[in-house]
Amino acid sequence: DELRAATSLLVKLDITPALREQLPADAAVYVLAREPGGMPMPVGAKRIALSDLPATVRLSDADSPMPTRRLSQLARVEVLARVSRTGVANAQAGDLESKPVETASSGEVELLIDHARP
């Protein structure tokens, strides 16, 4: 099970300056990894503060909100970042987010929060 223990995804994350100016420094930023085309529930999730951006976040099995669904169980994941205006993890209209990127479940990906959720 060494491979599973080693499965982690590095997410380099930033936000466009124009969007950053619209938000309080303590706004919640969620970095999510989920099954592409699968359930919306993430297999990995971390919350950081907007003031921490730019940041590099590591997602691993330890970041799974469900013990039965882990990052290491998937060969590929869809990764995205969202700024929640309300602090709630669930997506809401008006939240700012990155484009979702499909990638291997281990490795590195870059995300830019650059648009409002419709």
N, C-alpha and C. Protein backbone atom coordinates (compact mmCIF):
# COMPACT_ATOMS: atom_id res chain seq x y z
N ASP A 1 0.82 -1.21 0.00
CA ASP A 1 0.00 0.00 0.00
C ASP A 1 0.87 1.27 0.00
N GLU A 2 2.12 1.10 -0.30
CA GLU A 2 3.02 2.26 -0.33
C GLU A 2 2.58 3.28 -1.38
N LEU A 3 2.14 2.78 -2.54
CA LEU A 3 1.71 3.66 -3.62
C LEU A 3 0.58 4.57 -3.16
N ARG A 4 -0.40 4.00 -2.49
CA ARG A 4 -1.54 4.80 -2.01
C ARG A 4 -1.07 5.87 -1.04
N ALA A 5 -0.17 5.53 -0.16
CA ALA A 5 0.33 6.50 0.81
C ALA A 5 1.04 7.65 0.11
N ALA A 6 1.64 7.34 -1.04
CA ALA A 6 2.42 8.35 -1.76
C ALA A 6 1.56 9.20 -2.70
N THR A 7 0.31 8.78 -2.96
CA THR A 7 -0.54 9.53 -3.88
C THR A 7 -0.88 10.89 -3.29
N SER A 8 -0.39 11.91 -3.96
CA SER A 8 -0.79 13.26 -3.56
C SER A 8 -0.73 14.15 -4.78
N LEU A 9 -1.48 15.21 -4.72
CA LEU A 9 -1.62 16.13 -5.83
C LEU A 9 -1.22 17.52 -5.34
N LEU A 10 -0.27 18.12 -6.03
CA LEU A 10 0.13 19.50 -5.70
C LEU A 10 -0.69 20.45 -6.57
N VAL A 11 -1.35 21.40 -5.95
CA VAL A 11 -2.18 22.36 -6.67
C VAL A 11 -1.59 23.75 -6.44
N LYS A 12 -1.08 24.34 -7.53
CA LYS A 12 -0.60 25.73 -7.46
C LYS A 12 -1.79 26.61 -7.79
N LEU A 13 -2.05 27.57 -6.93
CA LEU A 13 -3.31 28.30 -6.99
C LEU A 13 -3.09 29.79 -6.85
N ASP A 14 -3.79 30.56 -7.69
CA ASP A 14 -3.77 32.01 -7.56
C ASP A 14 -5.12 32.56 -8.03
N ILE A 15 -5.30 33.86 -7.87
CA ILE A 15 -6.53 34.54 -8.27
C ILE A 15 -6.13 35.79 -9.05
N THR A 16 -6.96 36.17 -10.02
CA THR A 16 -6.64 37.38 -10.78
C THR A 16 -6.74 38.59 -9.86
N PRO A 17 -5.88 39.60 -10.04
CA PRO A 17 -5.89 40.79 -9.17
C PRO A 17 -7.25 41.49 -9.14
N ALA A 18 -7.94 41.55 -10.27
CA ALA A 18 -9.24 42.24 -10.33
C ALA A 18 -10.26 41.55 -9.42
N LEU A 19 -10.26 40.23 -9.39
CA LEU A 19 -11.21 39.51 -8.53
C LEU A 19 -10.79 39.60 -7.07
N ARG A 20 -9.49 39.54 -6.80
CA ARG A 20 -9.01 39.62 -5.41
C ARG A 20 -9.50 40.92 -4.76
N GLU A 21 -9.49 42.02 -5.53
CA GLU A 21 -9.89 43.33 -5.00
C GLU A 21 -11.35 43.36 -4.56
N GLN A 22 -12.18 42.47 -5.11
CA GLN A 22 -13.62 42.46 -4.80
C GLN A 22 -13.94 41.71 -3.51
N LEU A 23 -12.94 41.06 -2.92
CA LEU A 23 -13.21 40.13 -1.83
C LEU A 23 -12.51 40.51 -0.54
N PRO A 24 -13.09 40.15 0.59
CA PRO A 24 -12.39 40.35 1.86
C PRO A 24 -11.20 39.38 1.97
N ALA A 25 -10.15 39.80 2.63
CA ALA A 25 -8.93 38.99 2.74
C ALA A 25 -9.18 37.65 3.43
N ASP A 26 -10.22 37.59 4.27
CA ASP A 26 -10.49 36.35 5.00
C ASP A 26 -11.50 35.45 4.28
N ALA A 27 -11.82 35.76 3.02
CA ALA A 27 -12.74 34.90 2.26
C ALA A 27 -12.18 33.49 2.19
N ALA A 28 -13.05 32.50 2.22
CA ALA A 28 -12.64 31.09 2.19
C ALA A 28 -12.40 30.63 0.76
N VAL A 29 -11.26 29.97 0.56
CA VAL A 29 -10.94 29.39 -0.74
C VAL A 29 -10.92 27.87 -0.55
N TYR A 30 -11.68 27.17 -1.38
CA TYR A 30 -11.72 25.71 -1.33
C TYR A 30 -11.01 25.14 -2.54
N VAL A 31 -10.12 24.19 -2.31
CA VAL A 31 -9.46 23.46 -3.38
C VAL A 31 -10.06 22.05 -3.34
N LEU A 32 -10.62 21.62 -4.47
CA LEU A 32 -11.38 20.37 -4.52
C LEU A 32 -10.86 19.45 -5.61
N ALA A 33 -10.80 18.17 -5.31
CA ALA A 33 -10.52 17.15 -6.32
C ALA A 33 -11.69 16.18 -6.28
N ARG A 34 -12.23 15.87 -7.46
CA ARG A 34 -13.39 14.96 -7.52
C ARG A 34 -13.27 14.07 -8.74
N GLU A 35 -14.12 13.06 -8.77
CA GLU A 35 -14.11 12.12 -9.89
C GLU A 35 -14.64 12.82 -11.14
N PRO A 36 -13.90 12.78 -12.26
CA PRO A 36 -14.38 13.42 -13.50
C PRO A 36 -15.70 12.78 -13.95
N GLY A 37 -16.72 13.60 -14.12
CA GLY A 37 -18.02 13.09 -14.57
C GLY A 37 -18.73 12.24 -13.54
N GLY A 38 -18.19 12.21 -12.33
CA GLY A 38 -18.79 11.37 -11.28
C GLY A 38 -19.54 12.20 -10.26
N MET A 39 -19.55 11.71 -9.05
CA MET A 39 -20.26 12.39 -7.96
C MET A 39 -19.62 13.75 -7.68
N PRO A 40 -20.43 14.75 -7.31
CA PRO A 40 -19.87 16.06 -7.00
C PRO A 40 -19.09 16.08 -5.68
N MET A 41 -19.33 15.07 -4.81
CA MET A 41 -18.62 15.02 -3.53
C MET A 41 -17.12 14.82 -3.79
N PRO A 42 -16.28 15.69 -3.25
CA PRO A 42 -14.85 15.58 -3.53
C PRO A 42 -14.18 14.38 -2.88
N VAL A 43 -13.10 13.91 -3.50
CA VAL A 43 -12.25 12.89 -2.89
C VAL A 43 -11.09 13.55 -2.14
N GLY A 44 -10.97 14.86 -2.31
CA GLY A 44 -9.97 15.64 -1.59
C GLY A 44 -10.44 17.08 -1.51
N ALA A 45 -10.28 17.70 -0.36
CA ALA A 45 -10.70 19.10 -0.20
C ALA A 45 -9.86 19.77 0.88
N LYS A 46 -9.50 21.01 0.61
CA LYS A 46 -8.79 21.83 1.61
C LYS A 46 -9.36 23.23 1.57
N ARG A 47 -9.36 23.88 2.72
CA ARG A 47 -9.82 25.27 2.83
C ARG A 47 -8.64 26.12 3.26
N ILE A 48 -8.42 27.21 2.54
CA ILE A 48 -7.39 28.17 2.92
C ILE A 48 -8.02 29.57 2.85
N ALA A 49 -7.32 30.55 3.37
CA ALA A 49 -7.82 31.92 3.33
C ALA A 49 -7.34 32.61 2.05
N LEU A 50 -8.15 33.49 1.51
CA LEU A 50 -7.79 34.24 0.31
C LEU A 50 -6.44 34.93 0.49
N SER A 51 -6.18 35.43 1.70
CA SER A 51 -4.92 36.14 1.96
C SER A 51 -3.70 35.25 1.79
N ASP A 52 -3.90 33.90 1.77
CA ASP A 52 -2.78 32.95 1.59
C ASP A 52 -2.36 32.81 0.12
N LEU A 53 -3.17 33.34 -0.81
CA LEU A 53 -2.85 33.20 -2.23
C LEU A 53 -1.78 34.20 -2.66
N PRO A 54 -0.90 33.86 -3.60
CA PRO A 54 -0.78 32.56 -4.25
C PRO A 54 -0.27 31.50 -3.27
N ALA A 55 -0.70 30.25 -3.51
CA ALA A 55 -0.35 29.16 -2.60
C ALA A 55 -0.16 27.87 -3.39
N THR A 56 0.55 26.95 -2.77
CA THR A 56 0.63 25.58 -3.27
C THR A 56 0.02 24.70 -2.19
N VAL A 57 -1.01 23.95 -2.59
CA VAL A 57 -1.77 23.11 -1.66
C VAL A 57 -1.54 21.66 -2.05
N ARG A 58 -1.31 20.80 -1.07
CA ARG A 58 -1.15 19.36 -1.33
C ARG A 58 -2.42 18.64 -0.89
N LEU A 59 -3.04 17.92 -1.82
CA LEU A 59 -4.20 17.09 -1.51
C LEU A 59 -3.74 15.63 -1.47
N SER A 60 -4.23 14.90 -0.46
CA SER A 60 -3.91 13.48 -0.34
C SER A 60 -5.12 12.76 0.24
N ASP A 61 -4.98 11.46 0.49
CA ASP A 61 -6.09 10.70 1.09
C ASP A 61 -6.54 11.30 2.41
N ALA A 62 -5.62 11.94 3.12
CA ALA A 62 -5.96 12.55 4.41
C ALA A 62 -6.96 13.69 4.27
N ASP A 63 -7.12 14.21 3.04
CA ASP A 63 -8.03 15.35 2.80
C ASP A 63 -9.39 14.93 2.26
N SER A 64 -9.67 13.63 2.29
CA SER A 64 -10.96 13.16 1.81
C SER A 64 -12.03 13.36 2.86
N PRO A 65 -13.17 14.00 2.48
CA PRO A 65 -14.25 14.17 3.45
C PRO A 65 -14.99 12.86 3.72
N MET A 66 -14.79 11.85 2.87
CA MET A 66 -15.45 10.55 3.05
C MET A 66 -14.38 9.46 3.10
N PRO A 67 -14.33 8.69 4.18
CA PRO A 67 -13.31 7.65 4.30
C PRO A 67 -13.42 6.57 3.22
N THR A 68 -14.60 6.43 2.62
CA THR A 68 -14.78 5.39 1.61
C THR A 68 -14.38 5.84 0.21
N ARG A 69 -14.16 7.12 0.01
CA ARG A 69 -13.79 7.66 -1.30
C ARG A 69 -12.50 8.44 -1.14
N ARG A 70 -11.41 7.91 -1.68
CA ARG A 70 -10.11 8.54 -1.49
C ARG A 70 -9.45 8.88 -2.83
N LEU A 71 -8.59 9.85 -2.78
CA LEU A 71 -7.83 10.29 -3.95
C LEU A 71 -7.08 9.14 -4.60
N SER A 72 -6.47 8.28 -3.78
CA SER A 72 -5.65 7.19 -4.31
C SER A 72 -6.47 6.13 -5.05
N GLN A 73 -7.79 6.17 -4.90
CA GLN A 73 -8.64 5.19 -5.59
C GLN A 73 -8.89 5.57 -7.05
N LEU A 74 -8.55 6.80 -7.43
CA LEU A 74 -8.83 7.27 -8.78
C LEU A 74 -7.52 7.51 -9.54
N ALA A 75 -7.50 7.11 -10.81
CA ALA A 75 -6.32 7.37 -11.64
C ALA A 75 -6.31 8.83 -12.09
N ARG A 76 -7.52 9.38 -12.34
CA ARG A 76 -7.62 10.78 -12.78
C ARG A 76 -8.67 11.49 -11.93
N VAL A 77 -8.46 12.79 -11.75
CA VAL A 77 -9.40 13.61 -10.99
C VAL A 77 -9.63 14.92 -11.72
N GLU A 78 -10.73 15.56 -11.37
CA GLU A 78 -11.02 16.92 -11.83
C GLU A 78 -10.75 17.83 -10.63
N VAL A 79 -9.90 18.83 -10.84
CA VAL A 79 -9.48 19.71 -9.75
C VAL A 79 -10.01 21.12 -10.03
N LEU A 80 -10.52 21.78 -9.01
CA LEU A 80 -10.94 23.16 -9.17
C LEU A 80 -10.81 23.89 -7.85
N ALA A 81 -10.82 25.20 -7.94
CA ALA A 81 -10.77 26.04 -6.74
C ALA A 81 -11.94 27.00 -6.78
N ARG A 82 -12.49 27.28 -5.60
CA ARG A 82 -13.65 28.16 -5.51
C ARG A 82 -13.49 29.08 -4.32
N VAL A 83 -13.83 30.34 -4.53
CA VAL A 83 -13.89 31.29 -3.41
C VAL A 83 -15.35 31.40 -3.01
N SER A 84 -15.62 31.09 -1.76
CA SER A 84 -16.98 31.17 -1.25
C SER A 84 -17.19 32.51 -0.56
N ARG A 85 -18.16 33.26 -1.04
CA ARG A 85 -18.48 34.55 -0.40
C ARG A 85 -19.15 34.33 0.95
N THR A 86 -19.77 33.15 1.14
CA THR A 86 -20.51 32.87 2.37
C THR A 86 -19.72 32.00 3.34
N GLY A 87 -18.60 31.42 2.89
CA GLY A 87 -17.83 30.52 3.74
C GLY A 87 -18.31 29.09 3.67
N VAL A 88 -19.36 28.83 2.89
CA VAL A 88 -19.93 27.49 2.75
C VAL A 88 -19.21 26.77 1.61
N ALA A 89 -18.91 25.49 1.80
CA ALA A 89 -18.17 24.72 0.80
C ALA A 89 -18.99 24.44 -0.47
N ASN A 90 -20.31 24.32 -0.34
CA ASN A 90 -21.15 24.01 -1.50
C ASN A 90 -21.16 25.18 -2.48
N ALA A 91 -21.12 24.86 -3.76
CA ALA A 91 -21.11 25.88 -4.81
C ALA A 91 -22.41 26.69 -4.77
N GLN A 92 -22.25 28.01 -4.93
CA GLN A 92 -23.41 28.90 -4.97
C GLN A 92 -23.21 29.92 -6.08
N ALA A 93 -24.32 30.40 -6.65
CA ALA A 93 -24.22 31.42 -7.69
C ALA A 93 -23.45 32.61 -7.14
N GLY A 94 -22.57 33.17 -7.96
CA GLY A 94 -21.80 34.33 -7.53
C GLY A 94 -20.44 33.96 -6.94
N ASP A 95 -20.23 32.69 -6.60
CA ASP A 95 -18.91 32.27 -6.14
C ASP A 95 -17.91 32.46 -7.28
N LEU A 96 -16.67 32.72 -6.95
CA LEU A 96 -15.62 32.85 -7.95
C LEU A 96 -14.88 31.53 -8.02
N GLU A 97 -14.53 31.11 -9.24
CA GLU A 97 -13.86 29.83 -9.34
C GLU A 97 -12.88 29.76 -10.50
N SER A 98 -12.11 28.68 -10.49
CA SER A 98 -11.20 28.38 -11.59
C SER A 98 -11.92 27.48 -12.58
N LYS A 99 -11.35 27.35 -13.76
CA LYS A 99 -11.86 26.33 -14.68
C LYS A 99 -11.42 24.98 -14.12
N PRO A 100 -12.30 23.96 -14.17
CA PRO A 100 -11.89 22.64 -13.70
C PRO A 100 -10.82 22.07 -14.64
N VAL A 101 -9.84 21.40 -14.08
CA VAL A 101 -8.76 20.79 -14.86
C VAL A 101 -8.74 19.31 -14.54
N GLU A 102 -8.77 18.47 -15.58
CA GLU A 102 -8.66 17.04 -15.36
C GLU A 102 -7.18 16.67 -15.41
N THR A 103 -6.75 15.87 -14.44
CA THR A 103 -5.34 15.53 -14.33
C THR A 103 -5.18 14.19 -13.63
N ALA A 104 -3.97 13.65 -13.64
CA ALA A 104 -3.68 12.44 -12.88
C ALA A 104 -3.87 12.74 -11.39
N SER A 105 -4.20 11.71 -10.61
CA SER A 105 -4.47 11.93 -9.18
C SER A 105 -3.20 12.14 -8.38
N SER A 106 -2.04 11.96 -9.03
CA SER A 106 -0.80 12.35 -8.37
C SER A 106 -0.04 13.21 -9.36
N GLY A 107 0.71 14.16 -8.87
CA GLY A 107 1.41 15.08 -9.76
C GLY A 107 1.15 16.51 -9.35
N GLU A 108 1.04 17.37 -10.37
CA GLU A 108 0.94 18.80 -10.11
C GLU A 108 -0.01 19.44 -11.11
N VAL A 109 -0.74 20.45 -10.67
CA VAL A 109 -1.66 21.17 -11.54
C VAL A 109 -1.68 22.63 -11.11
N GLU A 110 -1.93 23.52 -12.08
CA GLU A 110 -2.04 24.95 -11.76
C GLU A 110 -3.46 25.41 -12.03
N LEU A 111 -4.00 26.19 -11.09
CA LEU A 111 -5.35 26.73 -11.21
C LEU A 111 -5.31 28.25 -11.02
N LEU A 112 -6.15 28.95 -11.78
CA LEU A 112 -6.31 30.38 -11.61
C LEU A 112 -7.79 30.69 -11.43
N ILE A 113 -8.13 31.28 -10.30
CA ILE A 113 -9.51 31.70 -10.05
C ILE A 113 -9.72 32.97 -10.86
N ASP A 114 -10.58 32.86 -11.89
CA ASP A 114 -10.66 33.96 -12.85
C ASP A 114 -12.06 34.28 -13.35
N HIS A 115 -13.09 33.63 -12.79
CA HIS A 115 -14.45 33.95 -13.26
C HIS A 115 -15.49 33.66 -12.16
N ALA A 116 -16.64 34.29 -12.33
CA ALA A 116 -17.75 34.07 -11.40
C ALA A 116 -18.57 32.88 -11.86
N ARG A 117 -19.02 32.11 -10.91
CA ARG A 117 -19.88 30.97 -11.20
C ARG A 117 -21.23 31.52 -11.67
N PRO A 118 -21.79 30.96 -12.76
CA PRO A 118 -23.08 31.47 -13.25
C PRO A 118 -24.23 31.18 -12.29
